[in-house]
């Protein structure tokens, strides 16, 4: 069960996508609405909410209250800055946290301004961390019989996903090296290059791969050029070799270069737009786009679940619901409310 402030129904791990979910439209500003939520909480394994700390207490929907109703409940709170700390009462938005917690500083062109990631990546990683925590809590409950409160927030998850850069800064105590665009601070060549009709990225992670790149680009003599023999040489002469590579790649289309490097062992990739990605032969072969019938929109295409199992086949069983689409079904089948009771609650403004 997910309780959201913004009159939308969504639930991890497919946060904001809503596929495979059921939507109950309910106002818990009404006492009857809170009673319904308490009854649902008693039947639930997991509840996820995204209110500011303490925001649900006045409705009797806080962890302390629900834990007494259902001691086995896993109650996950997702906020911008967590349940404790000096920022805990701040509203948290992905872009703000990207800025304040280091991600924006390391994202963008080398000499350009800091930029946000193209998707709300901190929201997404927080959802993934939280779903992982929920699974761990469910396993723990299987051993102890007890539920627990999970405190997840954007700021913590963003700090965690600084990963190796955070480790380096902690160990060295030095300022980080800033933004690198598609390049790598210590490996050359390792970035995207313009082609006749787009961009292609090469990852020359060692001297052998640089040799492959030189041969396939048609300049085997680069391998013995004193400026480029080792990676440390190439780092020192980064601008020169990058310019020479891009002057070459600009002479052919991206697809022509993809064909040239096919089977070479060289890490390479086209830089695709979203349509190019969704129509990519590998994406389609991996069944990452699926089509379902929506009751209001007709057939719609959706991104499929990314994980494959040997003993199960998860997928999109139902489309994103409209708000309150399953109110009658949930109250009737789970809580055994009569049609008359549901109709009365709708008339009172408790349900939609």
C-alpha atoms as a PDB file:
ATOM      1  CA  UNK A   1       0.000   0.000   0.000  1.00  0.00           C
ATOM      2  CA  UNK A   2       1.334   3.437  -0.918  1.00  0.00           C
ATOM      3  CA  UNK A   3       0.008   6.616   0.680  1.00  0.00           C
ATOM      4  CA  UNK A   4       0.794   9.661  -1.462  1.00  0.00           C
ATOM      5  CA  UNK A   5       0.203  13.344  -0.872  1.00  0.00           C
ATOM      6  CA  UNK A   6      -0.386  14.336  -4.486  1.00  0.00           C
ATOM      7  CA  UNK A   7      -3.534  12.345  -5.245  1.00  0.00           C
ATOM      8  CA  UNK A   8      -1.653   9.806  -7.327  1.00  0.00           C
ATOM      9  CA  UNK A   9      -1.346   6.117  -6.667  1.00  0.00           C
ATOM     10  CA  UNK A  10       2.032   4.530  -7.108  1.00  0.00           C
ATOM     11  CA  UNK A  11       4.141   1.917  -5.407  1.00  0.00           C
ATOM     12  CA  UNK A  12       7.751   0.708  -5.436  1.00  0.00           C
ATOM     13  CA  UNK A  13       9.567  -0.636  -7.348  1.00  0.00           C
ATOM     14  CA  UNK A  14       7.703   0.727 -10.374  1.00  0.00           C
ATOM     15  CA  UNK A  15       7.440   4.166  -8.767  1.00  0.00           C
ATOM     16  CA  UNK A  16       5.223   6.600 -10.730  1.00  0.00           C
ATOM     17  CA  UNK A  17       4.691   3.999 -13.460  1.00  0.00           C
ATOM     18  CA  UNK A  18       1.815   2.321 -11.627  1.00  0.00           C
ATOM     19  CA  UNK A  19       1.724  -0.802 -13.777  1.00  0.00           C
ATOM     20  CA  UNK A  20       0.470  -3.908 -11.935  1.00  0.00           C
ATOM     21  CA  UNK A  21      -1.048  -1.692  -9.221  1.00  0.00           C
ATOM     22  CA  UNK A  22      -4.570  -1.082  -7.998  1.00  0.00           C
ATOM     23  CA  UNK A  23      -5.834   2.400  -7.116  1.00  0.00           C
ATOM     24  CA  UNK A  24      -8.089   3.205  -4.183  1.00  0.00           C
ATOM     25  CA  UNK A  25      -9.344   6.798  -4.055  1.00  0.00           C
ATOM     26  CA  UNK A  26      -9.796   7.768  -0.417  1.00  0.00           C
ATOM     27  CA  UNK A  27      -9.675  10.881   1.763  1.00  0.00           C
ATOM     28  CA  UNK A  28      -8.199  10.201   5.196  1.00  0.00           C
ATOM     29  CA  UNK A  29      -9.207  13.633   6.419  1.00  0.00           C
ATOM     30  CA  UNK A  30     -12.462  11.795   7.171  1.00  0.00           C
ATOM     31  CA  UNK A  31     -12.558   9.531  10.214  1.00  0.00           C
ATOM     32  CA  UNK A  32     -14.142   6.813   8.082  1.00  0.00           C
ATOM     33  CA  UNK A  33     -11.243   7.052   5.645  1.00  0.00           C
ATOM     34  CA  UNK A  34      -8.717   6.506   8.423  1.00  0.00           C
ATOM     35  CA  UNK A  35     -10.719   3.503   9.630  1.00  0.00           C
ATOM     36  CA  UNK A  36     -10.493   1.998   6.153  1.00  0.00           C
ATOM     37  CA  UNK A  37      -6.750   2.593   5.999  1.00  0.00           C
ATOM     38  CA  UNK A  38      -6.305   1.001   9.423  1.00  0.00           C
ATOM     39  CA  UNK A  39      -8.185  -2.060   8.211  1.00  0.00           C
ATOM     40  CA  UNK A  40      -6.037  -2.223   5.082  1.00  0.00           C
ATOM     41  CA  UNK A  41      -2.861  -1.776   7.107  1.00  0.00           C
ATOM     42  CA  UNK A  42      -3.874  -4.741   9.236  1.00  0.00           C
ATOM     43  CA  UNK A  43      -3.968  -6.869   6.065  1.00  0.00           C
ATOM     44  CA  UNK A  44      -0.844  -5.435   4.412  1.00  0.00           C
ATOM     45  CA  UNK A  45       2.749  -6.640   4.394  1.00  0.00           C
ATOM     46  CA  UNK A  46       4.238  -3.284   3.378  1.00  0.00           C
ATOM     47  CA  UNK A  47       3.199   0.369   3.585  1.00  0.00           C
ATOM     48  CA  UNK A  48       5.189   3.109   1.815  1.00  0.00           C
ATOM     49  CA  UNK A  49       4.593   6.828   2.419  1.00  0.00           C
ATOM     50  CA  UNK A  50       6.267  10.082   1.347  1.00  0.00           C
ATOM     51  CA  UNK A  51       5.098  12.692   3.860  1.00  0.00           C
ATOM     52  CA  UNK A  52       7.367  15.007   5.819  1.00  0.00           C
ATOM     53  CA  UNK A  53       8.365  13.472   9.181  1.00  0.00           C
ATOM     54  CA  UNK A  54       5.399  13.481  11.543  1.00  0.00           C
ATOM     55  CA  UNK A  55       2.966  14.514   8.810  1.00  0.00           C
ATOM     56  CA  UNK A  56       0.797  11.414   9.124  1.00  0.00           C
ATOM     57  CA  UNK A  57       0.633  11.340  12.928  1.00  0.00           C
ATOM     58  CA  UNK A  58      -2.418  13.614  13.105  1.00  0.00           C
ATOM     59  CA  UNK A  59      -4.292  11.105  10.917  1.00  0.00           C
ATOM     60  CA  UNK A  60      -3.256   8.112  13.002  1.00  0.00           C
ATOM     61  CA  UNK A  61      -1.260   6.780  10.045  1.00  0.00           C
ATOM     62  CA  UNK A  62       2.200   7.033  11.617  1.00  0.00           C
ATOM     63  CA  UNK A  63       4.365   3.977  12.241  1.00  0.00           C
ATOM     64  CA  UNK A  64       3.804   3.916  16.003  1.00  0.00           C
ATOM     65  CA  UNK A  65       0.026   3.743  15.519  1.00  0.00           C
ATOM     66  CA  UNK A  66       0.026   1.197  12.695  1.00  0.00           C
ATOM     67  CA  UNK A  67       2.657  -0.970  14.380  1.00  0.00           C
ATOM     68  CA  UNK A  68       0.174  -1.573  17.195  1.00  0.00           C
ATOM     69  CA  UNK A  69      -2.504  -2.533  14.659  1.00  0.00           C
ATOM     70  CA  UNK A  70      -0.143  -4.800  12.698  1.00  0.00           C
ATOM     71  CA  UNK A  71       3.155  -5.647  14.447  1.00  0.00           C
ATOM     72  CA  UNK A  72       4.354  -7.424  11.294  1.00  0.00           C
ATOM     73  CA  UNK A  73       3.966  -4.342   9.073  1.00  0.00           C
ATOM     74  CA  UNK A  74       6.995  -3.108   7.111  1.00  0.00           C
ATOM     75  CA  UNK A  75       6.528   0.680   7.089  1.00  0.00           C
ATOM     76  CA  UNK A  76       8.813   2.574   4.695  1.00  0.00           C
ATOM     77  CA  UNK A  77       9.061   6.367   4.839  1.00  0.00           C
ATOM     78  CA  UNK A  78      10.631   8.117   1.847  1.00  0.00           C
ATOM     79  CA  UNK A  79      11.536  11.780   2.338  1.00  0.00           C
ATOM     80  CA  UNK A  80      13.968  14.309   0.956  1.00  0.00           C
ATOM     81  CA  UNK A  81      16.292  14.432   3.957  1.00  0.00           C
ATOM     82  CA  UNK A  82      15.260  11.677   6.351  1.00  0.00           C
ATOM     83  CA  UNK A  83      13.471  11.413   9.683  1.00  0.00           C
ATOM     84  CA  UNK A  84      16.318  13.073  11.626  1.00  0.00           C
ATOM     85  CA  UNK A  85      18.949  15.773  11.084  1.00  0.00           C
ATOM     86  CA  UNK A  86      18.849  19.566  10.557  1.00  0.00           C
ATOM     87  CA  UNK A  87      17.213  19.287   7.119  1.00  0.00           C
ATOM     88  CA  UNK A  88      14.603  16.672   8.067  1.00  0.00           C
ATOM     89  CA  UNK A  89      11.647  19.074   7.718  1.00  0.00           C
ATOM     90  CA  UNK A  90      12.700  20.354   4.297  1.00  0.00           C
ATOM     91  CA  UNK A  91      10.720  19.261   1.262  1.00  0.00           C
ATOM     92  CA  UNK A  92      13.049  17.254  -0.966  1.00  0.00           C
ATOM     93  CA  UNK A  93      13.067  17.342  -4.752  1.00  0.00           C
ATOM     94  CA  UNK A  94      15.412  15.375  -6.961  1.00  0.00           C
ATOM     95  CA  UNK A  95      17.087  18.376  -8.582  1.00  0.00           C
ATOM     96  CA  UNK A  96      17.735  20.074  -5.238  1.00  0.00           C
ATOM     97  CA  UNK A  97      19.351  16.977  -3.812  1.00  0.00           C
ATOM     98  CA  UNK A  98      21.409  16.437  -6.983  1.00  0.00           C
ATOM     99  CA  UNK A  99      22.763  19.945  -6.450  1.00  0.00           C
ATOM    100  CA  UNK A 100      23.376  19.861  -2.717  1.00  0.00           C
ATOM    101  CA  UNK A 101      24.713  16.313  -2.472  1.00  0.00           C
ATOM    102  CA  UNK A 102      27.425  16.483  -5.115  1.00  0.00           C
ATOM    103  CA  UNK A 103      25.953  14.891  -8.230  1.00  0.00           C
ATOM    104  CA  UNK A 104      25.378  18.076 -10.215  1.00  0.00           C
ATOM    105  CA  UNK A 105      28.946  19.227  -9.568  1.00  0.00           C
ATOM    106  CA  UNK A 106      30.363  16.167 -11.346  1.00  0.00           C
ATOM    107  CA  UNK A 107      27.839  16.120 -14.206  1.00  0.00           C
ATOM    108  CA  UNK A 108      28.249  18.120 -17.404  1.00  0.00           C
ATOM    109  CA  UNK A 109      30.930  19.206 -19.859  1.00  0.00           C
ATOM    110  CA  UNK A 110      34.489  19.684 -18.601  1.00  0.00           C
ATOM    111  CA  UNK A 111      34.401  23.475 -18.970  1.00  0.00           C
ATOM    112  CA  UNK A 112      30.642  23.863 -18.736  1.00  0.00           C
ATOM    113  CA  UNK A 113      28.142  24.633 -16.026  1.00  0.00           C
ATOM    114  CA  UNK A 114      26.898  21.940 -13.638  1.00  0.00           C
ATOM    115  CA  UNK A 115      23.813  20.163 -14.977  1.00  0.00           C
ATOM    116  CA  UNK A 116      21.238  17.769 -13.644  1.00  0.00           C
ATOM    117  CA  UNK A 117      21.003  14.219 -14.935  1.00  0.00           C
ATOM    118  CA  UNK A 118      18.457  13.809 -17.744  1.00  0.00           C
ATOM    119  CA  UNK A 119      16.097  11.715 -15.615  1.00  0.00           C
ATOM    120  CA  UNK A 120      15.248  12.116 -11.927  1.00  0.00           C
ATOM    121  CA  UNK A 121      18.022   9.691 -11.067  1.00  0.00           C
ATOM    122  CA  UNK A 122      18.109  10.437  -7.325  1.00  0.00           C
ATOM    123  CA  UNK A 123      14.384   9.673  -7.091  1.00  0.00           C
ATOM    124  CA  UNK A 124      14.989   6.440  -8.964  1.00  0.00           C
ATOM    125  CA  UNK A 125      17.975   5.288  -6.932  1.00  0.00           C
ATOM    126  CA  UNK A 126      16.104   6.080  -3.717  1.00  0.00           C
ATOM    127  CA  UNK A 127      13.244   3.895  -4.931  1.00  0.00           C
ATOM    128  CA  UNK A 128      15.680   1.081  -5.700  1.00  0.00           C
ATOM    129  CA  UNK A 129      17.443   1.365  -2.345  1.00  0.00           C
ATOM    130  CA  UNK A 130      14.073   1.410  -0.595  1.00  0.00           C
ATOM    131  CA  UNK A 131      12.703  -1.615  -2.433  1.00  0.00           C
ATOM    132  CA  UNK A 132      15.903  -3.463  -1.548  1.00  0.00           C
ATOM    133  CA  UNK A 133      15.467  -2.459   2.100  1.00  0.00           C
ATOM    134  CA  UNK A 134      11.865  -3.659   2.034  1.00  0.00           C
ATOM    135  CA  UNK A 135      12.945  -7.069   0.734  1.00  0.00           C
ATOM    136  CA  UNK A 136      15.577  -7.324   3.489  1.00  0.00           C
ATOM    137  CA  UNK A 137      13.002  -6.331   6.116  1.00  0.00           C
ATOM    138  CA  UNK A 138      10.604  -8.990   4.843  1.00  0.00           C
ATOM    139  CA  UNK A 139      13.334 -11.630   5.143  1.00  0.00           C
ATOM    140  CA  UNK A 140      14.093 -10.416   8.669  1.00  0.00           C
ATOM    141  CA  UNK A 141      10.399 -10.575   9.534  1.00  0.00           C
ATOM    142  CA  UNK A 142      10.339 -14.176   8.381  1.00  0.00           C
ATOM    143  CA  UNK A 143      12.961 -14.918  11.031  1.00  0.00           C
ATOM    144  CA  UNK A 144      11.765 -12.677  13.866  1.00  0.00           C
ATOM    145  CA  UNK A 145       8.059 -12.248  13.170  1.00  0.00           C
ATOM    146  CA  UNK A 146       8.461  -8.493  13.599  1.00  0.00           C
ATOM    147  CA  UNK A 147       7.979  -5.623  11.177  1.00  0.00           C
ATOM    148  CA  UNK A 148      10.001  -2.422  11.252  1.00  0.00           C
ATOM    149  CA  UNK A 149      10.200   1.195  10.167  1.00  0.00           C
ATOM    150  CA  UNK A 150      12.468   1.996   7.196  1.00  0.00           C
ATOM    151  CA  UNK A 151      13.831   5.556   7.004  1.00  0.00           C
ATOM    152  CA  UNK A 152      14.896   6.209   3.384  1.00  0.00           C
ATOM    153  CA  UNK A 153      15.689   9.595   1.878  1.00  0.00           C
ATOM    154  CA  UNK A 154      16.983  11.203  -1.296  1.00  0.00           C
ATOM    155  CA  UNK A 155      19.964  12.868   0.374  1.00  0.00           C
ATOM    156  CA  UNK A 156      21.360   9.669   1.915  1.00  0.00           C
ATOM    157  CA  UNK A 157      20.892   7.699  -1.285  1.00  0.00           C
ATOM    158  CA  UNK A 158      22.538  10.422  -3.358  1.00  0.00           C
ATOM    159  CA  UNK A 159      25.580  10.445  -1.076  1.00  0.00           C
ATOM    160  CA  UNK A 160      25.752   6.637  -1.312  1.00  0.00           C
ATOM    161  CA  UNK A 161      25.687   6.724  -5.121  1.00  0.00           C
ATOM    162  CA  UNK A 162      28.711   9.029  -5.268  1.00  0.00           C
ATOM    163  CA  UNK A 163      30.419   5.652  -5.018  1.00  0.00           C
ATOM    164  CA  UNK A 164      34.128   5.572  -5.967  1.00  0.00           C
ATOM    165  CA  UNK A 165      34.336   9.373  -6.166  1.00  0.00           C
ATOM    166  CA  UNK A 166      33.281   9.675  -2.535  1.00  0.00           C
ATOM    167  CA  UNK A 167      35.776   6.984  -1.552  1.00  0.00           C
ATOM    168  CA  UNK A 168      38.598   8.779  -3.341  1.00  0.00           C
ATOM    169  CA  UNK A 169      37.732  12.101  -1.715  1.00  0.00           C
ATOM    170  CA  UNK A 170      37.536  10.530   1.749  1.00  0.00           C
ATOM    171  CA  UNK A 171      40.881   8.793   1.369  1.00  0.00           C
ATOM    172  CA  UNK A 172      42.768  11.677  -0.258  1.00  0.00           C
ATOM    173  CA  UNK A 173      41.123  14.546   1.559  1.00  0.00           C
ATOM    174  CA  UNK A 174      41.507  16.488  -1.685  1.00  0.00           C
ATOM    175  CA  UNK A 175      39.013  18.343  -3.867  1.00  0.00           C
ATOM    176  CA  UNK A 176      37.508  16.203  -6.604  1.00  0.00           C
ATOM    177  CA  UNK A 177      38.452  16.759 -10.245  1.00  0.00           C
ATOM    178  CA  UNK A 178      35.037  18.122 -11.272  1.00  0.00           C
ATOM    179  CA  UNK A 179      33.083  17.472 -14.446  1.00  0.00           C
ATOM    180  CA  UNK A 180      34.380  15.326 -17.304  1.00  0.00           C
ATOM    181  CA  UNK A 181      31.411  15.042 -19.663  1.00  0.00           C
ATOM    182  CA  UNK A 182      31.715  11.667 -21.397  1.00  0.00           C
ATOM    183  CA  UNK A 183      35.491  11.551 -20.785  1.00  0.00           C
ATOM    184  CA  UNK A 184      37.419   9.708 -18.072  1.00  0.00           C
ATOM    185  CA  UNK A 185      39.804  11.623 -15.791  1.00  0.00           C
ATOM    186  CA  UNK A 186      42.581   9.016 -16.013  1.00  0.00           C
ATOM    187  CA  UNK A 187      41.955   6.940 -19.149  1.00  0.00           C
ATOM    188  CA  UNK A 188      42.484   8.195 -22.712  1.00  0.00           C
ATOM    189  CA  UNK A 189      40.778   7.706 -25.106  1.00  0.00           C
ATOM    190  CA  UNK A 190      37.553   7.224 -23.193  1.00  0.00           C
ATOM    191  CA  UNK A 191      34.734   9.516 -24.377  1.00  0.00           C
ATOM    192  CA  UNK A 192      32.275  10.173 -27.180  1.00  0.00           C
ATOM    193  CA  UNK A 193      33.330  11.565 -30.553  1.00  0.00           C
ATOM    194  CA  UNK A 194      31.338  13.301 -33.278  1.00  0.00           C
ATOM    195  CA  UNK A 195      30.479  11.327 -36.372  1.00  0.00           C
ATOM    196  CA  UNK A 196      28.945  12.445 -39.649  1.00  0.00           C
ATOM    197  CA  UNK A 197      25.431  12.061 -38.200  1.00  0.00           C
ATOM    198  CA  UNK A 198      25.777  11.693 -34.458  1.00  0.00           C
ATOM    199  CA  UNK A 199      28.194  10.468 -31.810  1.00  0.00           C
ATOM    200  CA  UNK A 200      30.086   7.286 -30.968  1.00  0.00           C
ATOM    201  CA  UNK A 201      31.782   6.430 -27.686  1.00  0.00           C
ATOM    202  CA  UNK A 202      35.060   4.495 -27.420  1.00  0.00           C
ATOM    203  CA  UNK A 203      36.524   3.010 -24.240  1.00  0.00           C
ATOM    204  CA  UNK A 204      40.258   2.531 -24.735  1.00  0.00           C
ATOM    205  CA  UNK A 205      40.817   1.169 -21.240  1.00  0.00           C
ATOM    206  CA  UNK A 206      44.363  -0.119 -21.858  1.00  0.00           C
ATOM    207  CA  UNK A 207      47.238   0.016 -24.355  1.00  0.00           C
ATOM    208  CA  UNK A 208      46.062  -3.088 -26.224  1.00  0.00           C
ATOM    209  CA  UNK A 209      42.632  -1.571 -26.819  1.00  0.00           C
ATOM    210  CA  UNK A 210      44.225   1.653 -27.991  1.00  0.00           C
ATOM    211  CA  UNK A 211      46.023  -0.451 -30.573  1.00  0.00           C
ATOM    212  CA  UNK A 212      42.720  -1.939 -31.744  1.00  0.00           C
ATOM    213  CA  UNK A 213      41.228   1.555 -31.980  1.00  0.00           C
ATOM    214  CA  UNK A 214      44.196   2.836 -33.977  1.00  0.00           C
ATOM    215  CA  UNK A 215      44.017  -0.084 -36.412  1.00  0.00           C
ATOM    216  CA  UNK A 216      40.259   0.146 -36.974  1.00  0.00           C
ATOM    217  CA  UNK A 217      40.395   3.915 -37.424  1.00  0.00           C
ATOM    218  CA  UNK A 218      43.074   3.383 -40.057  1.00  0.00           C
ATOM    219  CA  UNK A 219      46.068   4.853 -38.222  1.00  0.00           C
ATOM    220  CA  UNK A 220      48.215   1.951 -36.939  1.00  0.00           C
ATOM    221  CA  UNK A 221      51.158   4.323 -36.607  1.00  0.00           C
ATOM    222  CA  UNK A 222      49.500   5.901 -33.548  1.00  0.00           C
ATOM    223  CA  UNK A 223      50.497   2.813 -31.569  1.00  0.00           C
ATOM    224  CA  UNK A 224      54.199   3.667 -31.857  1.00  0.00           C
ATOM    225  CA  UNK A 225      53.870   7.450 -31.659  1.00  0.00           C
ATOM    226  CA  UNK A 226      55.874   8.468 -28.578  1.00  0.00           C
ATOM    227  CA  UNK A 227      52.997  10.714 -27.454  1.00  0.00           C
ATOM    228  CA  UNK A 228      50.547   7.818 -27.295  1.00  0.00           C
ATOM    229  CA  UNK A 229      52.438   4.586 -26.491  1.00  0.00           C
ATOM    230  CA  UNK A 230      51.143   4.267 -22.924  1.00  0.00           C
ATOM    231  CA  UNK A 231      48.005   5.480 -21.218  1.00  0.00           C
ATOM    232  CA  UNK A 232      50.010   7.944 -19.125  1.00  0.00           C
ATOM    233  CA  UNK A 233      51.424   9.354 -22.381  1.00  0.00           C
ATOM    234  CA  UNK A 234      47.934   9.679 -23.811  1.00  0.00           C
ATOM    235  CA  UNK A 235      46.621  11.376 -20.683  1.00  0.00           C
ATOM    236  CA  UNK A 236      49.428  13.900 -21.012  1.00  0.00           C
ATOM    237  CA  UNK A 237      48.517  14.487 -24.677  1.00  0.00           C
ATOM    238  CA  UNK A 238      44.758  14.129 -24.252  1.00  0.00           C
ATOM    239  CA  UNK A 239      43.766  17.098 -26.430  1.00  0.00           C
ATOM    240  CA  UNK A 240      45.957  15.945 -29.323  1.00  0.00           C
ATOM    241  CA  UNK A 241      44.765  12.353 -29.540  1.00  0.00           C
ATOM    242  CA  UNK A 242      41.119  13.295 -28.932  1.00  0.00           C
ATOM    243  CA  UNK A 243      41.302  15.814 -31.774  1.00  0.00           C
ATOM    244  CA  UNK A 244      42.903  13.265 -34.116  1.00  0.00           C
ATOM    245  CA  UNK A 245      40.240  10.664 -33.310  1.00  0.00           C
ATOM    246  CA  UNK A 246      37.355  13.081 -33.795  1.00  0.00           C
ATOM    247  CA  UNK A 247      38.755  14.362 -37.084  1.00  0.00           C
ATOM    248  CA  UNK A 248      38.607  10.747 -38.221  1.00  0.00           C
ATOM    249  CA  UNK A 249      35.230   9.726 -36.816  1.00  0.00           C
ATOM    250  CA  UNK A 250      33.603  12.817 -38.351  1.00  0.00           C
ATOM    251  CA  UNK A 251      34.264  11.391 -41.807  1.00  0.00           C
ATOM    252  CA  UNK A 252      31.793   8.487 -41.502  1.00  0.00           C
ATOM    253  CA  UNK A 253      28.329   7.870 -40.077  1.00  0.00           C
ATOM    254  CA  UNK A 254      27.821   6.291 -36.703  1.00  0.00           C
ATOM    255  CA  UNK A 255      26.510   3.092 -38.286  1.00  0.00           C
ATOM    256  CA  UNK A 256      29.546   2.841 -40.543  1.00  0.00           C
ATOM    257  CA  UNK A 257      31.817   3.008 -37.489  1.00  0.00           C
ATOM    258  CA  UNK A 258      29.669   0.466 -35.644  1.00  0.00           C
ATOM    259  CA  UNK A 259      30.148  -1.920 -38.574  1.00  0.00           C
ATOM    260  CA  UNK A 260      33.904  -1.282 -38.631  1.00  0.00           C
ATOM    261  CA  UNK A 261      34.325  -2.047 -34.933  1.00  0.00           C
ATOM    262  CA  UNK A 262      31.983  -5.047 -34.864  1.00  0.00           C
ATOM    263  CA  UNK A 263      33.829  -8.041 -33.414  1.00  0.00           C
ATOM    264  CA  UNK A 264      36.988  -6.061 -32.677  1.00  0.00           C
ATOM    265  CA  UNK A 265      36.885  -6.549 -28.892  1.00  0.00           C
ATOM    266  CA  UNK A 266      36.934  -2.787 -28.491  1.00  0.00           C
ATOM    267  CA  UNK A 267      34.299  -1.324 -26.117  1.00  0.00           C
ATOM    268  CA  UNK A 268      32.245   1.053 -28.286  1.00  0.00           C
ATOM    269  CA  UNK A 269      28.684   2.312 -28.501  1.00  0.00           C
ATOM    270  CA  UNK A 270      26.457   4.654 -30.447  1.00  0.00           C
ATOM    271  CA  UNK A 271      25.057   7.574 -28.456  1.00  0.00           C
ATOM    272  CA  UNK A 272      21.344   6.996 -29.054  1.00  0.00           C
ATOM    273  CA  UNK A 273      18.335   9.200 -28.392  1.00  0.00           C
ATOM    274  CA  UNK A 274      15.268   7.812 -26.600  1.00  0.00           C
ATOM    275  CA  UNK A 275      13.480   6.603 -29.743  1.00  0.00           C
ATOM    276  CA  UNK A 276      16.702   5.019 -30.935  1.00  0.00           C
ATOM    277  CA  UNK A 277      16.958   3.219 -27.611  1.00  0.00           C
ATOM    278  CA  UNK A 278      13.360   2.005 -27.520  1.00  0.00           C
ATOM    279  CA  UNK A 279      13.657   0.683 -31.076  1.00  0.00           C
ATOM    280  CA  UNK A 280      17.132  -0.783 -30.561  1.00  0.00           C
ATOM    281  CA  UNK A 281      17.367  -4.388 -31.750  1.00  0.00           C
ATOM    282  CA  UNK A 282      18.907  -5.527 -28.470  1.00  0.00           C
ATOM    283  CA  UNK A 283      16.259  -3.743 -26.373  1.00  0.00           C
ATOM    284  CA  UNK A 284      13.520  -5.412 -28.404  1.00  0.00           C
ATOM    285  CA  UNK A 285      15.243  -8.807 -28.279  1.00  0.00           C
ATOM    286  CA  UNK A 286      15.372  -8.507 -24.485  1.00  0.00           C
ATOM    287  CA  UNK A 287      11.602  -7.836 -24.433  1.00  0.00           C
ATOM    288  CA  UNK A 288      12.077  -4.452 -22.777  1.00  0.00           C
ATOM    289  CA  UNK A 289       9.077  -2.886 -24.547  1.00  0.00           C
ATOM    290  CA  UNK A 290       5.645  -4.386 -24.044  1.00  0.00           C
ATOM    291  CA  UNK A 291       2.092  -3.430 -24.995  1.00  0.00           C
ATOM    292  CA  UNK A 292      -0.999  -3.549 -22.772  1.00  0.00           C
ATOM    293  CA  UNK A 293      -4.622  -2.516 -23.144  1.00  0.00           C
ATOM    294  CA  UNK A 294      -5.573   0.539 -21.072  1.00  0.00           C
ATOM    295  CA  UNK A 295      -9.286   1.043 -20.234  1.00  0.00           C
ATOM    296  CA  UNK A 296      -9.161   4.772 -21.061  1.00  0.00           C
ATOM    297  CA  UNK A 297      -6.352   5.024 -23.618  1.00  0.00           C
ATOM    298  CA  UNK A 298      -6.594   1.763 -25.543  1.00  0.00           C
ATOM    299  CA  UNK A 299      -3.366  -0.095 -26.386  1.00  0.00           C
ATOM    300  CA  UNK A 300      -0.273   1.564 -24.884  1.00  0.00           C
ATOM    301  CA  UNK A 301       3.391   0.621 -24.974  1.00  0.00           C
ATOM    302  CA  UNK A 302       5.347   0.517 -21.720  1.00  0.00           C
ATOM    303  CA  UNK A 303       8.890  -0.222 -20.646  1.00  0.00           C
ATOM    304  CA  UNK A 304       8.941  -3.780 -19.327  1.00  0.00           C
ATOM    305  CA  UNK A 305      10.475  -5.021 -16.084  1.00  0.00           C
ATOM    306  CA  UNK A 306      14.280  -5.334 -16.491  1.00  0.00           C
ATOM    307  CA  UNK A 307      14.940  -8.459 -14.399  1.00  0.00           C
ATOM    308  CA  UNK A 308      14.726 -11.973 -15.821  1.00  0.00           C
ATOM    309  CA  UNK A 309      14.248 -15.044 -13.624  1.00  0.00           C
ATOM    310  CA  UNK A 310      14.871 -18.696 -14.418  1.00  0.00           C
ATOM    311  CA  UNK A 311      11.743 -19.889 -12.592  1.00  0.00           C
ATOM    312  CA  UNK A 312       9.307 -17.030 -13.164  1.00  0.00           C
ATOM    313  CA  UNK A 313       8.307 -14.538 -15.810  1.00  0.00           C
ATOM    314  CA  UNK A 314       7.421 -11.147 -14.310  1.00  0.00           C
ATOM    315  CA  UNK A 315       5.931  -8.536 -16.583  1.00  0.00           C
ATOM    316  CA  UNK A 316       3.236  -5.917 -16.995  1.00  0.00           C
ATOM    317  CA  UNK A 317       0.037  -7.708 -16.032  1.00  0.00           C
ATOM    318  CA  UNK A 318      -2.131  -4.589 -15.931  1.00  0.00           C
ATOM    319  CA  UNK A 319      -1.765  -0.972 -17.098  1.00  0.00           C
ATOM    320  CA  UNK A 320      -1.423   2.051 -14.795  1.00  0.00           C
ATOM    321  CA  UNK A 321      -4.816   2.549 -13.130  1.00  0.00           C
ATOM    322  CA  UNK A 322      -6.908   5.671 -13.157  1.00  0.00           C
ATOM    323  CA  UNK A 323      -7.371   7.305  -9.746  1.00  0.00           C
ATOM    324  CA  UNK A 324      -9.838   5.295  -7.701  1.00  0.00           C
ATOM    325  CA  UNK A 325     -10.336   2.725 -10.456  1.00  0.00           C
ATOM    326  CA  UNK A 326     -10.279  -0.191  -8.010  1.00  0.00           C
ATOM    327  CA  UNK A 327     -12.004   1.372  -5.009  1.00  0.00           C
ATOM    328  CA  UNK A 328     -15.032  -0.934  -5.171  1.00  0.00           C
ATOM    329  CA  UNK A 329     -12.901  -4.004  -5.850  1.00  0.00           C
ATOM    330  CA  UNK A 330     -10.465  -3.396  -2.970  1.00  0.00           C
ATOM    331  CA  UNK A 331     -13.101  -2.583  -0.370  1.00  0.00           C
ATOM    332  CA  UNK A 332     -15.401  -5.342  -1.534  1.00  0.00           C
ATOM    333  CA  UNK A 333     -12.918  -8.199  -1.903  1.00  0.00           C
ATOM    334  CA  UNK A 334     -10.342  -7.397   0.801  1.00  0.00           C
ATOM    335  CA  UNK A 335     -12.399  -5.675   3.500  1.00  0.00           C
ATOM    336  CA  UNK A 336     -15.793  -7.186   2.553  1.00  0.00           C
ATOM    337  CA  UNK A 337     -17.665  -3.873   2.451  1.00  0.00           C
ATOM    338  CA  UNK A 338     -21.158  -4.106   0.970  1.00  0.00           C
ATOM    339  CA  UNK A 339     -22.159  -2.196  -2.147  1.00  0.00           C
ATOM    340  CA  UNK A 340     -24.445  -0.065   0.002  1.00  0.00           C
ATOM    341  CA  UNK A 341     -21.605   0.834   2.393  1.00  0.00           C
ATOM    342  CA  UNK A 342     -19.316   1.769  -0.492  1.00  0.00           C
ATOM    343  CA  UNK A 343     -22.026   3.911  -2.096  1.00  0.00           C
ATOM    344  CA  UNK A 344     -22.661   5.684   1.222  1.00  0.00           C
ATOM    345  CA  UNK A 345     -18.950   6.425   1.732  1.00  0.00           C
ATOM    346  CA  UNK A 346     -18.748   7.847  -1.778  1.00  0.00           C
ATOM    347  CA  UNK A 347     -21.714  10.102  -1.073  1.00  0.00           C
ATOM    348  CA  UNK A 348     -19.955  11.317   2.083  1.00  0.00           C
ATOM    349  CA  UNK A 349     -16.819  12.201   0.097  1.00  0.00           C
ATOM    350  CA  UNK A 350     -14.682   9.555   1.783  1.00  0.00           C
ATOM    351  CA  UNK A 351     -14.158   7.499  -1.385  1.00  0.00           C
ATOM    352  CA  UNK A 352     -13.849   8.201  -5.089  1.00  0.00           C
END
